[in-house]
Amino acid sequence: MDARGEAYAEEELPGILHLDMDAFFASIEVRDDPTLQGLPVVVGGAGARGVVAAASYPARTRGIRSAMPMATARRLAPDLVIVPPRIDVYRTISGRVMELLGDVVADIEQISVDEAFLDVRGARRLFGEPAQIAGLLRARIREELGLPSSVGGSVSRAVAKIASARAKPDGQLIVPAAGTAEFLAPLPVSVISGIGPKAQEALARIGVRTIGQLREIPRSTLTRAVGPRAPEIMALAEGSDRTGLGTRTKDRSLGTERTWDTDLTDPAEVRRRITQMADDVARQLRRGGFVARTVVLKLRAPDGTTITRSSTLDHPTASGERLREQVVSLWERERSTMRRIRLAGVRAAHLEPAAGVALQSELTDRSAGWQDLEAAMDRALDRFGADSLGRGSTFGPTADLARRPTEQPGAPGPDDAETRGM
């Protein structure tokens, strides 16, 4: 084979892997308490308004899923085991997973606390073909961390993610370039990110339910169903998509949201809670080496009414004080219409690597002072724990401190439609 042939063959290897930790939070809890093995375990709040943050596979066989109200989960599994979330533990183990991936692969794009894309083409000489690299990574995660993971591989990040979902639990599936269209053909169109429920309904009305059927319709018809992403979706369906790492950086986000058993009605209390969340999100940014250009506030009333409001900063930041200023301002604009709050969330979006950004606005005396203070707080929190330190304005009554709200941890993730702006 000539040089051009060798280059073509190498390019067409499935060099993009998607690694996803299986039932990450629940798997950690089962690992740390082996008596939970085989039981329907969920992580989340046990209160009347608790929500499932993660479900073990035995729980999933009962129909329990993430984001499900805990009351519904209890009805599906009367023997349900509810474990309160340990956010700091999950983040620490997430960091160890990413460090382990970095030992093998140089090009990594972490997209959430428990998943990452990897470009393994540069690792082939040392570690073998993509399937071998996938097996090596899964084995090391199992041996060193005691946790299961699944890996999908393809020439396209979108197909790699679909493949990892098909490999679950605790498996791997590498799709060769030449077999991509055949692999996708029988799958439902719903596996494609960007084809939501409304688009699925529109396609079903014309008899399109699988990706193979989608390939046969005119592009104009697909455009009417899915909008401007039609060319991207058609390329994926045809098996010609070659999207690699780093192409959706602007869609990545970090955040947290919390649901309370008792509605918040005191504006000062709402301010205190969203300030805590802003500080938490800022710390996530600093830990991940990111800065954000947009901050988003999400509010939900007891009747389910949900609003999201965003603010774009003049300069990207990882400062809790700057995020706090923005979310409090967003809240003040909505407080007259959202008098009772059941859920609130804060999210930082449009992330950029901190190392590559010149933060001119952070060089003022006031901002520099906050940077120094927050760096010192980070060191103290890392040493003494998440509850050891905080702003004076965020401390409420002692009883409230002892009973923390249910937290639904957030992390970089391009596929959360509601939180792309939140």
Protein backbone atom coordinates (compact mmCIF):
# COMPACT_ATOMS: atom_id res chain seq x y z
CA MET A 1 0.00 0.00 0.00
CA ASP A 2 1.39 3.43 -0.92
CA ALA A 3 1.81 6.33 1.48
CA ARG A 4 -1.52 7.80 0.51
CA GLY A 5 -3.25 4.46 1.09
CA GLU A 6 -1.66 4.10 4.53
CA ALA A 7 -2.77 7.61 5.50
CA TYR A 8 -6.32 6.91 4.32
CA ALA A 9 -6.48 3.61 6.20
CA GLU A 10 -5.24 5.27 9.40
CA GLU A 11 -7.73 8.11 9.05
CA GLU A 12 -10.60 5.66 8.69
CA LEU A 13 -9.81 3.75 11.86
CA PRO A 14 -12.39 4.35 14.61
CA GLY A 15 -10.11 6.72 16.49
CA ILE A 16 -12.75 8.46 18.65
CA LEU A 17 -13.78 6.72 21.88
CA HIS A 18 -16.56 7.70 24.25
CA LEU A 19 -16.06 6.39 27.79
CA ASP A 20 -19.02 6.53 30.14
CA MET A 21 -18.99 5.38 33.76
CA ASP A 22 -21.90 3.01 34.42
CA ALA A 23 -24.47 4.34 36.93
CA PHE A 24 -21.56 6.35 38.32
CA PHE A 25 -22.92 7.66 41.63
CA ALA A 26 -24.80 4.46 42.42
CA SER A 27 -21.80 2.30 41.47
CA ILE A 28 -19.61 4.24 43.91
CA GLU A 29 -22.12 3.68 46.71
CA VAL A 30 -22.34 -0.05 45.96
CA ARG A 31 -18.56 -0.30 45.80
CA ASP A 32 -18.23 1.39 49.18
CA ASP A 33 -20.98 -0.73 50.74
CA PRO A 34 -20.93 -4.25 49.20
CA THR A 35 -24.12 -5.19 51.09
CA LEU A 36 -25.94 -3.08 48.45
CA GLN A 37 -24.81 -5.37 45.63
CA GLY A 38 -27.77 -6.59 43.58
CA LEU A 39 -30.25 -4.27 45.29
CA PRO A 40 -32.29 -1.47 43.68
CA VAL A 41 -30.11 1.44 44.83
CA VAL A 42 -30.69 5.08 44.00
CA VAL A 43 -28.78 8.20 44.95
CA GLY A 44 -30.89 11.24 45.76
CA GLY A 45 -33.07 12.99 48.28
CA ALA A 46 -35.41 10.90 50.41
CA GLY A 47 -37.83 13.76 51.13
CA ALA A 48 -41.27 14.25 49.66
CA ARG A 49 -39.78 16.14 46.71
CA GLY A 50 -36.62 14.10 46.38
CA VAL A 51 -35.38 13.29 42.88
CA VAL A 52 -33.34 10.32 41.66
CA ALA A 53 -29.84 11.53 40.76
CA ALA A 54 -28.58 8.07 39.78
CA ALA A 55 -29.98 4.54 39.72
CA SER A 56 -28.18 1.20 39.86
CA TYR A 57 -28.90 -1.30 37.10
CA PRO A 58 -31.09 -3.47 39.39
CA ALA A 59 -33.13 -0.31 40.00
CA ARG A 60 -33.29 0.39 36.28
CA THR A 61 -34.80 -3.02 35.63
CA ARG A 62 -37.75 -1.79 37.72
CA GLY A 63 -38.20 1.20 35.41
CA ILE A 64 -36.40 3.71 37.63
CA ARG A 65 -34.45 6.44 35.85
CA SER A 66 -32.46 9.56 36.69
CA ALA A 67 -34.52 12.72 37.31
CA MET A 68 -37.55 10.62 38.33
CA PRO A 69 -39.42 11.83 41.44
CA MET A 70 -38.40 9.67 44.39
CA ALA A 71 -42.05 9.02 45.22
CA THR A 72 -42.48 7.38 41.80
CA ALA A 73 -39.31 5.34 42.29
CA ARG A 74 -40.62 4.07 45.64
CA ARG A 75 -43.84 2.93 44.00
CA LEU A 76 -41.90 1.02 41.35
CA ALA A 77 -39.61 -0.61 43.93
CA PRO A 78 -40.98 -0.84 47.50
CA ASP A 79 -37.61 -2.29 48.56
CA LEU A 80 -35.75 0.72 47.15
CA VAL A 81 -32.51 1.67 48.91
CA ILE A 82 -32.04 5.47 48.93
CA VAL A 83 -28.53 6.78 49.54
CA PRO A 84 -27.92 10.51 50.09
CA PRO A 85 -25.51 12.03 47.55
CA ARG A 86 -21.85 12.56 48.45
CA ILE A 87 -20.99 15.22 45.91
CA ASP A 88 -17.37 15.75 46.93
CA VAL A 89 -16.68 12.00 46.78
CA TYR A 90 -18.10 11.77 43.25
CA ARG A 91 -16.07 14.74 42.05
CA THR A 92 -12.88 13.34 43.58
CA ILE A 93 -13.36 9.98 41.90
CA SER A 94 -14.26 11.71 38.64
CA GLY A 95 -10.91 13.48 38.82
CA ARG A 96 -9.15 10.15 39.34
CA VAL A 97 -10.93 8.66 36.34
CA MET A 98 -9.82 11.55 34.14
CA GLU A 99 -6.24 11.29 35.43
CA LEU A 100 -6.23 7.60 34.57
CA LEU A 101 -7.47 8.35 31.05
CA GLY A 102 -4.73 10.95 30.73
CA ASP A 103 -2.09 8.33 31.52
CA VAL A 104 -3.00 6.55 28.27
CA VAL A 105 -4.50 9.18 25.95
CA ALA A 106 -3.30 12.74 25.43
CA ASP A 107 -6.39 14.13 23.67
CA ILE A 108 -9.33 14.09 26.08
CA GLU A 109 -12.53 16.13 26.14
CA GLN A 110 -14.41 15.69 29.41
CA ILE A 111 -18.09 16.43 28.85
CA SER A 112 -19.55 15.54 32.24
CA VAL A 113 -18.54 14.27 35.65
CA ASP A 114 -18.69 10.67 34.39
CA GLU A 115 -17.94 10.70 30.67
CA ALA A 116 -15.32 11.84 28.19
CA PHE A 117 -14.41 11.66 24.53
CA LEU A 118 -10.92 10.52 23.63
CA ASP A 119 -8.98 10.75 20.38
CA VAL A 120 -6.81 7.62 20.57
CA ARG A 121 -5.05 7.85 17.22
CA GLY A 122 -1.90 9.19 18.85
CA ALA A 123 -1.90 6.36 21.41
CA ARG A 124 -1.94 3.49 18.92
CA ARG A 125 1.81 3.00 18.68
CA LEU A 126 2.12 2.46 22.43
CA PHE A 127 -1.17 0.78 23.30
CA GLY A 128 -2.54 -0.87 20.14
CA GLU A 129 -5.75 -0.59 18.18
CA PRO A 130 -8.80 1.34 19.49
CA ALA A 131 -10.45 -1.84 20.81
CA GLN A 132 -7.30 -2.69 22.78
CA ILE A 133 -7.10 0.83 24.19
CA ALA A 134 -10.77 0.69 25.20
CA GLY A 135 -10.18 -2.64 26.96
CA LEU A 136 -7.09 -1.29 28.71
CA LEU A 137 -8.92 1.78 30.03
CA ARG A 138 -11.89 -0.23 31.28
CA ALA A 139 -9.59 -2.76 32.96
CA ARG A 140 -7.60 -0.07 34.75
CA ILE A 141 -10.73 1.70 35.95
CA ARG A 142 -12.04 -1.60 37.26
CA GLU A 143 -8.75 -2.62 38.92
CA GLU A 144 -7.71 0.75 40.35
CA LEU A 145 -11.10 2.27 41.21
CA GLY A 146 -13.35 -0.79 41.48
CA LEU A 147 -15.93 0.69 39.08
CA PRO A 148 -17.56 -0.45 35.83
CA SER A 149 -17.43 1.58 32.63
CA SER A 150 -18.50 1.26 29.02
CA VAL A 151 -16.79 2.45 25.85
CA GLY A 152 -18.00 3.09 22.32
CA GLY A 153 -15.71 3.79 19.39
CA SER A 154 -16.17 5.22 15.90
CA VAL A 155 -14.77 7.70 13.40
CA SER A 156 -17.39 10.14 14.73
CA ARG A 157 -17.98 11.41 18.25
CA ALA A 158 -21.75 11.15 17.82
CA VAL A 159 -21.59 7.51 16.75
CA ALA A 160 -19.06 6.72 19.49
CA LYS A 161 -21.56 8.01 22.07
CA ILE A 162 -24.37 5.96 20.55
CA ALA A 163 -22.10 2.89 20.59
CA SER A 164 -21.19 3.31 24.26
CA ALA A 165 -24.88 3.43 25.16
CA ARG A 166 -25.43 0.20 23.22
CA ALA A 167 -22.47 -1.41 25.06
CA LYS A 168 -23.88 -0.79 28.54
CA PRO A 169 -23.51 -2.05 31.12
CA ASP A 170 -19.80 -2.79 31.49
CA GLY A 171 -19.03 -3.44 27.84
CA GLN A 172 -17.47 -1.97 24.73
CA LEU A 173 -18.51 -1.64 21.11
CA ILE A 174 -16.19 -0.36 18.37
CA VAL A 175 -17.93 0.50 15.10
CA PRO A 176 -15.70 0.30 12.00
CA ALA A 177 -15.94 3.18 9.56
CA ALA A 178 -17.23 0.98 6.74
CA GLY A 179 -19.91 -0.47 9.00
CA THR A 180 -21.23 2.79 10.44
CA ALA A 181 -24.30 3.13 8.22
CA GLU A 182 -25.19 -0.54 8.75
CA PHE A 183 -24.82 -0.18 12.53
CA LEU A 184 -27.06 2.89 12.64
CA ALA A 185 -29.76 1.75 10.20
CA PRO A 186 -32.00 -0.26 12.60
CA LEU A 187 -31.67 2.14 15.53
CA PRO A 188 -34.53 4.53 16.42
CA VAL A 189 -34.07 8.14 15.34
CA SER A 190 -34.34 9.11 19.01
CA VAL A 191 -30.71 8.02 19.61
CA ILE A 192 -29.53 11.02 17.56
CA SER A 193 -28.90 14.10 19.66
CA GLY A 194 -30.96 16.89 18.12
CA ILE A 195 -34.01 14.77 17.29
CA GLY A 196 -36.29 15.51 20.22
CA PRO A 197 -39.85 14.34 20.93
CA LYS A 198 -41.49 16.86 18.58
CA ALA A 199 -39.16 15.96 15.71
CA GLN A 200 -39.74 12.27 16.41
CA GLU A 201 -43.49 12.82 16.17
CA ALA A 202 -43.12 14.74 12.91
CA LEU A 203 -40.95 11.99 11.42
CA ALA A 204 -43.27 9.23 12.67
CA ARG A 205 -46.19 10.88 10.84
CA ILE A 206 -44.38 10.23 7.56
CA GLY A 207 -43.35 6.72 8.54
CA VAL A 208 -39.78 7.47 9.63
CA ARG A 209 -38.85 5.72 12.87
CA THR A 210 -35.36 4.34 12.24
CA ILE A 211 -32.15 5.95 11.08
CA GLY A 212 -32.20 3.77 7.98
CA GLN A 213 -35.62 5.18 7.05
CA LEU A 214 -34.40 8.69 7.78
CA ARG A 215 -31.66 8.31 5.17
CA GLU A 216 -34.29 7.77 2.48
CA ILE A 217 -36.27 10.99 2.92
CA PRO A 218 -35.49 14.25 1.04
CA ARG A 219 -33.32 16.71 2.92
CA SER A 220 -36.02 19.34 2.65
CA THR A 221 -38.37 17.03 4.56
CA LEU A 222 -35.75 16.45 7.26
CA THR A 223 -35.15 20.21 7.52
CA ARG A 224 -38.84 20.80 8.19
CA ALA A 225 -38.72 18.22 10.99
CA VAL A 226 -35.44 19.09 12.72
CA GLY A 227 -34.50 22.57 11.54
CA PRO A 228 -31.01 23.85 10.68
CA ARG A 229 -29.24 20.77 12.05
CA ALA A 230 -30.60 18.69 9.15
CA PRO A 231 -27.29 18.50 7.19
CA GLU A 232 -25.40 17.42 10.31
CA ILE A 233 -28.01 14.78 11.14
CA MET A 234 -28.12 13.45 7.59
CA ALA A 235 -24.32 13.12 7.51
CA LEU A 236 -24.51 11.13 10.71
CA ALA A 237 -27.29 8.90 9.37
CA GLU A 238 -25.34 8.23 6.18
CA GLY A 239 -22.20 7.31 8.12
CA SER A 240 -20.16 10.15 6.62
CA ASP A 241 -19.85 12.28 9.79
CA ARG A 242 -16.24 12.67 10.95
CA THR A 243 -16.72 15.15 13.81
CA GLY A 244 -13.90 14.82 16.32
CA LEU A 245 -12.99 16.37 19.65
CA GLY A 246 -13.33 19.99 20.66
CA THR A 247 -15.96 21.04 18.14
CA ARG A 248 -18.72 21.83 20.67
CA THR A 249 -16.76 23.62 23.36
CA LYS A 250 -19.22 26.51 23.44
CA ASP A 251 -22.06 24.15 24.35
CA ARG A 252 -20.33 22.81 27.44
CA SER A 253 -21.51 23.84 30.85
CA LEU A 254 -21.09 23.27 34.56
CA GLY A 255 -23.79 23.69 37.14
CA THR A 256 -25.86 22.50 40.04
CA GLU A 257 -29.51 22.58 40.98
CA ARG A 258 -31.41 21.79 44.16
CA THR A 259 -34.96 20.83 45.06
CA TRP A 260 -36.35 21.64 48.51
CA ASP A 261 -38.93 19.74 50.55
CA THR A 262 -40.38 23.07 51.68
CA ASP A 263 -40.94 25.89 49.19
CA LEU A 264 -38.73 28.95 49.61
CA THR A 265 -40.79 32.10 50.08
CA ASP A 266 -38.34 34.47 51.80
CA PRO A 267 -36.39 36.48 49.17
CA ALA A 268 -33.39 36.69 51.48
CA GLU A 269 -33.36 32.91 51.78
CA VAL A 270 -33.54 32.51 47.99
CA ARG A 271 -30.62 34.91 47.64
CA ARG A 272 -28.65 32.92 50.19
CA ARG A 273 -29.30 29.64 48.40
CA ILE A 274 -28.41 30.85 44.92
CA THR A 275 -25.28 32.51 46.32
CA GLN A 276 -24.21 29.12 47.67
CA MET A 277 -24.81 27.58 44.27
CA ALA A 278 -22.90 30.33 42.47
CA ASP A 279 -19.90 29.73 44.73
CA ASP A 280 -20.16 25.98 44.14
CA VAL A 281 -20.28 26.41 40.35
CA ALA A 282 -17.32 28.80 40.44
CA ARG A 283 -15.32 26.24 42.39
CA GLN A 284 -16.21 23.59 39.79
CA LEU A 285 -14.91 25.94 37.10
CA ARG A 286 -11.63 26.50 38.90
CA ARG A 287 -11.16 22.81 39.56
CA GLY A 288 -11.77 22.01 35.89
CA GLY A 289 -9.54 24.79 34.59
CA PHE A 290 -12.40 26.63 32.89
CA VAL A 291 -13.85 30.12 32.75
CA ALA A 292 -17.40 30.94 31.70
CA ARG A 293 -18.87 33.69 29.55
CA THR A 294 -22.51 33.05 30.51
CA VAL A 295 -24.26 32.39 33.80
CA VAL A 296 -27.80 31.01 33.91
CA LEU A 297 -30.38 30.95 36.68
CA LYS A 298 -33.17 28.35 36.68
CA LEU A 299 -36.25 28.69 38.91
CA ARG A 300 -39.21 26.35 39.31
CA ALA A 301 -42.46 27.10 41.14
CA PRO A 302 -44.53 24.47 43.02
CA ASP A 303 -46.94 24.21 40.06
CA GLY A 304 -44.08 23.21 37.75
CA THR A 305 -43.69 26.59 36.06
CA THR A 306 -40.02 26.88 35.14
CA ILE A 307 -38.07 29.87 33.91
CA THR A 308 -34.45 30.22 32.88
CA ARG A 309 -32.68 33.54 32.63
CA SER A 310 -29.11 34.09 31.45
CA SER A 311 -26.54 36.85 31.55
CA THR A 312 -23.48 37.07 29.31
CA LEU A 313 -20.38 38.58 30.89
CA ASP A 314 -18.10 41.10 29.23
CA HIS A 315 -15.15 38.88 30.11
CA PRO A 316 -15.11 35.17 31.04
CA THR A 317 -14.64 34.34 34.70
CA ALA A 318 -14.31 31.62 37.31
CA SER A 319 -15.01 34.02 40.20
CA GLY A 320 -17.80 33.15 42.60
CA GLU A 321 -18.31 36.80 43.37
CA ARG A 322 -18.91 37.70 39.72
CA LEU A 323 -21.26 34.75 39.23
CA ARG A 324 -23.10 35.68 42.43
CA GLU A 325 -23.61 39.26 41.26
CA GLN A 326 -25.17 38.02 38.02
CA VAL A 327 -27.51 35.37 39.45
CA VAL A 328 -28.72 37.65 42.24
CA SER A 329 -29.46 40.32 39.64
CA LEU A 330 -31.38 37.77 37.53
CA TRP A 331 -33.34 36.69 40.62
CA GLU A 332 -34.24 40.23 41.56
CA ARG A 333 -35.83 40.71 38.15
CA GLU A 334 -38.05 37.64 38.60
CA ARG A 335 -38.88 37.69 42.32
CA SER A 336 -42.22 39.41 41.82
CA THR A 337 -43.45 36.61 39.53
CA MET A 338 -41.77 33.67 41.30
CA ARG A 339 -42.93 34.13 44.89
CA ARG A 340 -42.55 30.45 45.83
CA ILE A 341 -39.51 28.46 44.72
CA ARG A 342 -39.42 24.68 44.70
CA LEU A 343 -36.21 24.27 42.70
CA ALA A 344 -33.34 26.56 41.77
CA GLY A 345 -30.26 26.00 39.68
CA VAL A 346 -27.17 27.93 38.66
CA ARG A 347 -25.15 27.01 35.61
CA ALA A 348 -22.07 28.44 33.92
CA ALA A 349 -22.09 28.06 30.14
CA HIS A 350 -19.96 28.90 27.10
CA LEU A 351 -16.86 27.56 28.81
CA GLU A 352 -13.31 28.23 27.70
CA PRO A 353 -9.98 26.89 28.98
CA ALA A 354 -8.78 29.29 31.66
CA ALA A 355 -5.18 29.04 30.51
CA GLY A 356 -6.01 30.48 27.11
CA VAL A 357 -8.03 33.51 28.19
CA ALA A 358 -6.68 36.95 29.05
CA LEU A 359 -8.97 38.08 31.86
CA GLN A 360 -8.43 41.80 31.73
CA SER A 361 -11.43 42.53 33.91
CA GLU A 362 -10.04 40.31 36.67
CA LEU A 363 -7.02 42.59 37.11
CA THR A 364 -8.83 45.30 39.03
CA ASP A 365 -7.99 45.59 42.71
CA ARG A 366 -11.47 44.42 43.72
CA SER A 367 -11.45 41.35 41.46
CA ALA A 368 -7.88 40.48 42.33
CA GLY A 369 -8.82 40.55 46.00
CA TRP A 370 -11.71 38.17 45.39
CA GLN A 371 -9.42 35.88 43.35
CA ASP A 372 -6.95 35.67 46.22
CA LEU A 373 -9.73 35.05 48.74
CA GLU A 374 -11.38 32.35 46.62
CA ALA A 375 -8.05 30.62 46.02
CA ALA A 376 -7.50 30.51 49.79
CA MET A 377 -11.03 29.18 50.30
CA ASP A 378 -10.41 26.47 47.69
CA ARG A 379 -7.34 25.31 49.60
CA ALA A 380 -9.23 25.24 52.89
CA LEU A 381 -12.21 23.39 51.41
CA ASP A 382 -9.94 20.82 49.79
CA ARG A 383 -8.26 20.22 53.11
CA PHE A 384 -11.17 20.34 55.54
CA GLY A 385 -14.23 19.44 53.47
CA ALA A 386 -17.11 21.11 51.66
CA ASP A 387 -18.96 22.22 54.80
CA SER A 388 -15.97 23.74 56.56
CA LEU A 389 -16.09 27.23 55.06
CA GLY A 390 -18.42 29.62 53.29
CA ARG A 391 -19.56 33.21 52.97
CA GLY A 392 -21.09 34.65 56.12
CA SER A 393 -24.14 35.64 54.08
CA THR A 394 -24.81 31.99 53.17
CA PHE A 395 -25.06 30.68 56.73
CA GLY A 396 -28.59 30.32 57.98
CA PRO A 397 -29.97 28.81 61.21
CA THR A 398 -28.02 25.91 62.68
CA ALA A 399 -30.87 23.51 61.98
CA ASP A 400 -30.80 24.46 58.34
CA LEU A 401 -27.08 23.81 58.10
CA ALA A 402 -27.56 20.36 59.52
CA ARG A 403 -30.20 19.50 56.93
CA ARG A 404 -28.74 20.29 53.54
CA PRO A 405 -31.05 20.32 50.49
CA THR A 406 -31.02 17.62 47.88
CA GLU A 407 -28.41 18.47 45.26
CA GLN A 408 -28.51 17.33 41.69
CA PRO A 409 -24.84 17.69 40.69
CA GLY A 410 -24.08 19.12 37.33
CA ALA A 411 -21.04 18.84 35.05
CA PRO A 412 -19.93 19.66 31.51
CA GLY A 413 -22.55 18.28 29.17
CA PRO A 414 -23.54 19.37 25.65
CA ASP A 415 -26.69 17.27 25.45
CA ASP A 416 -28.83 18.88 28.15
CA ALA A 417 -31.25 20.86 26.00
CA GLU A 418 -32.75 22.85 28.84
CA THR A 419 -29.41 23.76 30.36
CA ARG A 420 -27.65 24.76 27.19
CA GLY A 421 -28.90 28.16 28.18
CA MET A 422 -29.43 26.50 31.59
